[in-house]
Amino acid sequence: MSDAALPRPALNVGQLAPLYSAQALATGATTVSTVLASLIMSGLHFETLVGLPSTLISTSAALSAGAFGALMLRRGRRTGLSAAFTLGALGAGVGFVGARFALLPVFLLGACLMGAAQGGYQQARYAAAESVPDDRRGTALGALMLMSVLGSFLMTGASRPIETLGAALGSTPEVAGWLVGGVLLGAAALLIRLWRPAAPAALPAQTTAAPAKLTVREAFAIPGVRSTALALATAQGLMVTLMSLTPLRAHHMGMDHGAVAALISGHILGMFGFGWLTGPLIDRLGLRFGYVSGALLLAAAALSAP
């Protein structure tokens, strides 16, 4: 019997469930921290700086990713992810205190900690890919992305209770949302301790040698690296800008907290909900197709917003 005729192994859903559930909770918390930050800055009378928290979150995530990656190499994915979720819970709590008592430096510190945590727990996608055979990685990652969508929609459904919590705390729903985000990340840290990672599949003999370490200059000299880095940087910068400004603009247009949450959930759906389609398309049509079509979509989004 040929390899093509062999049945494909099913995903071990029970083994991956804690990882997927933790990712869903983390996405809900990330949505809260990134989206509501601009409204909090407006409430603190710093509307000209509404993009600063998102910038700090993205910068901190970029700076911490290498450190969390090194930690996971030494101590394992579960330890690194648990540390990231715990740091995120701490950052959300600090941000809540800063927003609740109008302490701008404290709120921005919370944003930095939340961003640093994202640099770690966004690596859950690699953990999911490593937990399954090579020919099932696309399915595993697609399921993880769908759990991210679920987490965002759960936060949208909780918008009314968050408004009630904000009133009970004598604050706004946006401020209360950071406290809820901290609770979600704390729950994710506990969930990830229940996860038992599978041992990575053995590499073929010809690939087991340790790869040569490259300097940044050498890495950027590899064909395709510079164009990829430019595409990613441009796309990320545009996305973070739109995510920061859209909630504030929607609020100015009269949308309440629930409507803004639904708007951003649509954004998260667009980000993650179509991975099952775009991945195979890029596999079939090539990276250039992905670059060009993605750029056209981003341009259409930016031009339609005004």
Protein backbone atom coordinates (compact mmCIF):
# COMPACT_ATOMS: atom_id res chain seq x y z
CA MET A 1 0.00 0.00 0.00
CA SER A 2 1.38 3.43 -0.91
CA ASP A 3 1.81 6.21 1.63
CA ALA A 4 -0.91 8.18 -0.14
CA ALA A 5 -3.37 5.37 0.50
CA LEU A 6 -2.69 5.23 4.22
CA PRO A 7 -5.36 6.89 6.37
CA ARG A 8 -4.35 10.24 7.85
CA PRO A 9 -4.10 10.15 11.65
CA ALA A 10 -6.81 12.01 13.51
CA LEU A 11 -5.95 14.93 15.73
CA ASN A 12 -5.76 14.12 19.42
CA VAL A 13 -8.39 16.66 20.42
CA GLY A 14 -8.24 15.71 24.09
CA GLN A 15 -4.53 16.38 24.24
CA LEU A 16 -4.79 19.72 22.46
CA ALA A 17 -7.94 20.93 24.27
CA PRO A 18 -6.13 22.78 27.12
CA LEU A 19 -3.85 24.53 24.63
CA TYR A 20 -6.76 25.52 22.39
CA SER A 21 -8.88 26.69 25.32
CA ALA A 22 -6.04 28.77 26.72
CA GLN A 23 -5.54 30.36 23.30
CA ALA A 24 -9.24 31.26 23.09
CA LEU A 25 -9.10 32.98 26.50
CA ALA A 26 -5.89 34.78 25.57
CA THR A 27 -7.38 36.10 22.34
CA GLY A 28 -10.31 37.50 24.28
CA ALA A 29 -7.90 39.23 26.64
CA THR A 30 -5.75 40.50 23.77
CA THR A 31 -8.81 41.95 22.05
CA VAL A 32 -9.71 43.78 25.25
CA SER A 33 -6.24 45.19 25.83
CA THR A 34 -5.56 46.34 22.27
CA VAL A 35 -8.99 47.59 21.31
CA LEU A 36 -10.15 49.28 24.49
CA ALA A 37 -6.82 51.02 25.15
CA SER A 38 -7.64 53.86 22.76
CA LEU A 39 -10.98 54.48 24.49
CA ILE A 40 -9.25 54.47 27.88
CA MET A 41 -6.70 57.01 26.65
CA SER A 42 -9.55 59.19 25.44
CA GLY A 43 -11.23 58.87 28.84
CA LEU A 44 -7.98 59.92 30.51
CA HIS A 45 -7.99 63.04 28.28
CA PHE A 46 -5.00 61.94 26.19
CA GLU A 47 -6.85 61.55 22.90
CA THR A 48 -3.84 62.75 20.90
CA LEU A 49 -1.94 59.71 22.23
CA VAL A 50 -4.58 57.05 21.59
CA GLY A 51 -2.13 54.98 19.50
CA LEU A 52 0.57 54.91 22.18
CA PRO A 53 -0.65 51.84 24.14
CA SER A 54 -0.99 49.75 20.98
CA THR A 55 2.48 50.84 19.90
CA LEU A 56 3.90 49.84 23.27
CA ILE A 57 2.07 46.50 23.13
CA SER A 58 3.43 45.68 19.67
CA THR A 59 6.96 46.84 20.52
CA SER A 60 7.05 44.89 23.77
CA ALA A 61 5.77 41.77 22.00
CA ALA A 62 8.53 42.03 19.40
CA LEU A 63 11.21 42.53 22.03
CA SER A 64 10.06 39.68 24.27
CA ALA A 65 9.47 37.03 21.60
CA GLY A 66 13.13 35.99 21.44
CA ALA A 67 13.42 35.70 25.22
CA PHE A 68 10.30 33.56 25.47
CA GLY A 69 11.50 31.43 22.55
CA ALA A 70 14.80 30.81 24.34
CA LEU A 71 12.93 29.94 27.55
CA MET A 72 10.76 27.44 25.70
CA LEU A 73 13.82 25.83 24.12
CA ARG A 74 15.36 25.33 27.57
CA ARG A 75 12.31 24.55 29.69
CA GLY A 76 9.65 23.48 27.22
CA ARG A 77 6.60 25.04 25.61
CA ARG A 78 4.32 24.52 28.61
CA THR A 79 6.62 26.39 31.01
CA GLY A 80 7.11 29.27 28.56
CA LEU A 81 3.43 29.62 27.76
CA SER A 82 2.48 29.44 31.43
CA ALA A 83 4.96 32.23 32.20
CA ALA A 84 3.58 34.33 29.34
CA PHE A 85 -0.04 33.94 30.43
CA THR A 86 0.90 34.79 34.02
CA LEU A 87 2.80 37.90 32.91
CA GLY A 88 -0.23 38.92 30.84
CA ALA A 89 -2.52 38.57 33.85
CA LEU A 90 -0.16 40.77 35.86
CA GLY A 91 0.00 43.35 33.08
CA ALA A 92 -3.79 43.48 32.75
CA GLY A 93 -4.10 44.00 36.50
CA VAL A 94 -1.53 46.82 36.44
CA GLY A 95 -3.27 48.41 33.46
CA PHE A 96 -6.62 48.22 35.23
CA VAL A 97 -5.22 49.99 38.30
CA GLY A 98 -3.66 52.69 36.14
CA ALA A 99 -6.87 53.26 34.17
CA ARG A 100 -9.14 53.10 37.22
CA PHE A 101 -7.18 55.71 39.16
CA ALA A 102 -6.16 57.84 36.15
CA LEU A 103 -2.45 57.04 36.52
CA LEU A 104 -1.21 57.24 32.94
CA PRO A 105 2.35 55.88 33.55
CA VAL A 106 0.91 52.89 35.42
CA PHE A 107 -1.57 52.20 32.61
CA LEU A 108 1.19 52.37 30.02
CA LEU A 109 3.31 50.02 32.14
CA GLY A 110 0.41 47.56 32.09
CA ALA A 111 0.29 47.88 28.30
CA CYS A 112 4.01 47.10 28.08
CA LEU A 113 3.60 44.00 30.27
CA MET A 114 0.61 42.84 28.23
CA GLY A 115 2.63 43.25 25.05
CA ALA A 116 5.60 41.36 26.48
CA ALA A 117 3.23 38.53 27.40
CA GLN A 118 1.89 38.40 23.84
CA GLY A 119 5.42 37.83 22.58
CA GLY A 120 5.27 34.57 24.52
CA TYR A 121 1.75 33.26 24.27
CA GLN A 122 1.42 33.97 20.55
CA GLN A 123 3.93 31.15 20.15
CA ALA A 124 1.13 28.73 21.04
CA ARG A 125 0.72 28.23 17.28
CA TYR A 126 4.17 26.65 17.14
CA ALA A 127 3.31 24.45 20.10
CA ALA A 128 0.20 23.25 18.28
CA ALA A 129 2.17 22.53 15.10
CA GLU A 130 4.78 20.55 17.02
CA SER A 131 2.11 18.39 18.67
CA VAL A 132 0.88 16.72 15.48
CA PRO A 133 2.41 14.92 12.48
CA ASP A 134 3.76 17.12 9.70
CA ASP A 135 0.84 16.39 7.39
CA ARG A 136 -1.66 17.53 10.03
CA ARG A 137 -0.06 20.84 10.98
CA GLY A 138 -2.31 22.90 8.74
CA THR A 139 -5.38 21.38 10.33
CA ALA A 140 -4.01 21.91 13.84
CA LEU A 141 -3.17 25.55 13.15
CA GLY A 142 -6.52 26.15 11.48
CA ALA A 143 -8.30 24.80 14.57
CA LEU A 144 -6.16 27.04 16.80
CA MET A 145 -7.10 30.08 14.73
CA LEU A 146 -10.78 29.19 14.96
CA MET A 147 -10.44 29.02 18.75
CA SER A 148 -9.05 32.56 18.59
CA VAL A 149 -12.20 33.66 16.78
CA LEU A 150 -14.30 31.92 19.43
CA GLY A 151 -12.47 33.74 22.20
CA SER A 152 -13.11 37.10 20.56
CA PHE A 153 -16.82 36.37 20.10
CA LEU A 154 -17.13 35.23 23.72
CA MET A 155 -15.82 38.63 24.78
CA THR A 156 -18.38 40.29 22.51
CA GLY A 157 -21.14 38.27 24.14
CA ALA A 158 -19.89 39.36 27.56
CA SER A 159 -20.05 43.07 26.72
CA ARG A 160 -23.21 43.68 28.76
CA PRO A 161 -21.89 41.96 31.92
CA ILE A 162 -18.69 43.97 31.52
CA GLU A 163 -20.75 47.16 31.40
CA THR A 164 -22.48 46.06 34.62
CA LEU A 165 -19.10 45.31 36.23
CA GLY A 166 -17.79 48.72 35.19
CA ALA A 167 -20.78 50.42 36.81
CA ALA A 168 -20.30 48.37 39.98
CA LEU A 169 -16.65 49.44 40.13
CA GLY A 170 -17.58 53.07 39.57
CA SER A 171 -15.74 53.06 36.26
CA THR A 172 -16.31 52.50 32.55
CA PRO A 173 -16.75 49.21 30.66
CA GLU A 174 -13.41 49.81 28.94
CA VAL A 175 -11.57 49.94 32.27
CA ALA A 176 -13.46 46.91 33.60
CA GLY A 177 -12.52 45.07 30.41
CA TRP A 178 -8.87 45.14 31.41
CA LEU A 179 -9.73 43.50 34.71
CA VAL A 180 -11.70 40.82 32.87
CA GLY A 181 -8.74 40.34 30.54
CA GLY A 182 -6.52 39.68 33.55
CA VAL A 183 -8.93 37.04 34.81
CA LEU A 184 -8.99 35.36 31.39
CA LEU A 185 -5.19 35.24 31.20
CA GLY A 186 -4.99 33.87 34.74
CA ALA A 187 -7.40 31.12 33.74
CA ALA A 188 -5.29 30.44 30.63
CA ALA A 189 -2.19 30.07 32.82
CA LEU A 190 -3.99 27.45 34.89
CA LEU A 191 -5.34 25.65 31.82
CA ILE A 192 -1.93 25.36 30.18
CA ARG A 193 -0.65 23.46 33.23
CA LEU A 194 -3.14 20.71 32.30
CA TRP A 195 -1.62 20.39 28.83
CA ARG A 196 0.77 17.52 28.22
CA PRO A 197 2.79 18.33 25.09
CA ALA A 198 3.59 15.48 22.75
CA ALA A 199 7.24 14.79 22.08
CA PRO A 200 8.28 16.43 18.79
CA ALA A 201 8.52 13.97 15.93
CA ALA A 202 12.06 12.79 15.20
CA LEU A 203 13.76 14.73 12.44
CA PRO A 204 15.20 12.97 9.41
CA ALA A 205 18.84 12.04 9.84
CA GLN A 206 20.04 14.62 7.35
CA THR A 207 18.40 17.49 9.26
CA THR A 208 19.47 16.64 12.80
CA ALA A 209 22.69 18.65 12.64
CA ALA A 210 22.59 21.90 14.57
CA PRO A 211 21.90 24.80 12.17
CA ALA A 212 24.53 27.49 11.80
CA LYS A 213 23.84 30.66 13.74
CA LEU A 214 23.29 33.66 11.51
CA THR A 215 23.84 37.31 12.29
CA VAL A 216 21.04 39.74 11.48
CA ARG A 217 23.02 40.98 8.47
CA GLU A 218 23.50 37.43 7.18
CA ALA A 219 19.85 36.59 7.72
CA PHE A 220 18.70 39.62 5.75
CA ALA A 221 21.07 38.67 2.93
CA ILE A 222 19.07 35.48 2.31
CA PRO A 223 16.85 35.94 -0.77
CA GLY A 224 13.28 36.76 0.16
CA VAL A 225 13.93 37.71 3.78
CA ARG A 226 13.99 41.47 3.25
CA SER A 227 10.82 41.52 1.16
CA THR A 228 9.05 39.30 3.70
CA ALA A 229 10.14 41.50 6.61
CA LEU A 230 9.00 44.64 4.77
CA ALA A 231 5.62 43.08 3.97
CA LEU A 232 5.09 41.96 7.55
CA ALA A 233 6.15 45.30 9.03
CA THR A 234 3.91 47.27 6.68
CA ALA A 235 0.90 45.02 7.27
CA GLN A 236 1.35 44.97 11.04
CA GLY A 237 1.76 48.73 11.22
CA LEU A 238 -1.37 49.35 9.18
CA MET A 239 -3.41 46.79 11.12
CA VAL A 240 -2.41 48.16 14.54
CA THR A 241 -3.18 51.71 13.37
CA LEU A 242 -6.66 50.77 12.17
CA MET A 243 -7.37 48.68 15.28
CA SER A 244 -6.40 51.61 17.51
CA LEU A 245 -8.34 54.30 15.68
CA THR A 246 -11.48 52.40 14.68
CA PRO A 247 -12.93 51.86 18.20
CA LEU A 248 -12.44 55.52 19.07
CA ARG A 249 -14.02 56.68 15.82
CA ALA A 250 -16.94 54.27 16.31
CA HIS A 251 -17.40 55.63 19.83
CA HIS A 252 -17.48 59.17 18.45
CA MET A 253 -20.15 58.03 15.99
CA GLY A 254 -22.39 56.98 18.88
CA MET A 255 -21.68 53.24 19.11
CA ASP A 256 -21.88 51.81 22.62
CA HIS A 257 -19.48 49.31 24.15
CA GLY A 258 -21.34 46.27 22.82
CA ALA A 259 -21.42 47.62 19.26
CA VAL A 260 -17.69 48.39 19.33
CA ALA A 261 -16.97 44.89 20.64
CA ALA A 262 -19.02 43.37 17.81
CA LEU A 263 -17.17 45.51 15.28
CA ILE A 264 -13.79 44.30 16.49
CA SER A 265 -14.99 40.69 16.62
CA GLY A 266 -15.66 41.01 12.91
CA HIS A 267 -12.07 42.14 12.53
CA ILE A 268 -10.81 39.11 14.47
CA LEU A 269 -13.01 36.86 12.33
CA GLY A 270 -11.36 38.29 9.23
CA MET A 271 -7.90 37.81 10.73
CA PHE A 272 -8.23 34.19 11.78
CA GLY A 273 -11.46 32.74 10.43
CA PHE A 274 -10.25 32.19 6.87
CA GLY A 275 -6.90 30.53 7.53
CA TRP A 276 -8.39 27.26 6.27
CA LEU A 277 -8.80 28.96 2.87
CA THR A 278 -5.83 31.33 2.54
CA GLY A 279 -3.19 28.78 3.59
CA PRO A 280 -4.00 26.24 0.84
CA LEU A 281 -4.38 29.05 -1.69
CA ILE A 282 -0.89 30.34 -0.93
CA ASP A 283 0.47 26.79 -1.01
CA ARG A 284 -1.04 26.38 -4.47
CA LEU A 285 -0.51 29.85 -5.98
CA GLY A 286 2.69 30.96 -4.24
CA LEU A 287 3.91 33.62 -1.84
CA ARG A 288 3.76 36.41 -4.42
CA PHE A 289 0.02 35.83 -4.67
CA GLY A 290 -0.23 36.09 -0.89
CA TYR A 291 1.75 39.34 -0.79
CA VAL A 292 -0.18 41.03 -3.56
CA SER A 293 -3.67 39.92 -2.56
CA GLY A 294 -3.02 40.73 1.10
CA ALA A 295 -1.75 44.19 0.18
CA LEU A 296 -4.84 44.84 -1.94
CA LEU A 297 -7.12 43.80 0.92
CA LEU A 298 -5.28 46.08 3.36
CA ALA A 299 -5.46 48.99 0.93
CA ALA A 300 -9.20 48.42 0.43
CA ALA A 301 -9.71 48.36 4.20
CA ALA A 302 -7.76 51.57 4.74
CA LEU A 303 -9.53 53.40 1.91
CA SER A 304 -13.02 52.27 2.94
CA ALA A 305 -12.64 53.39 6.56
CA PRO A 306 -12.88 57.17 5.83
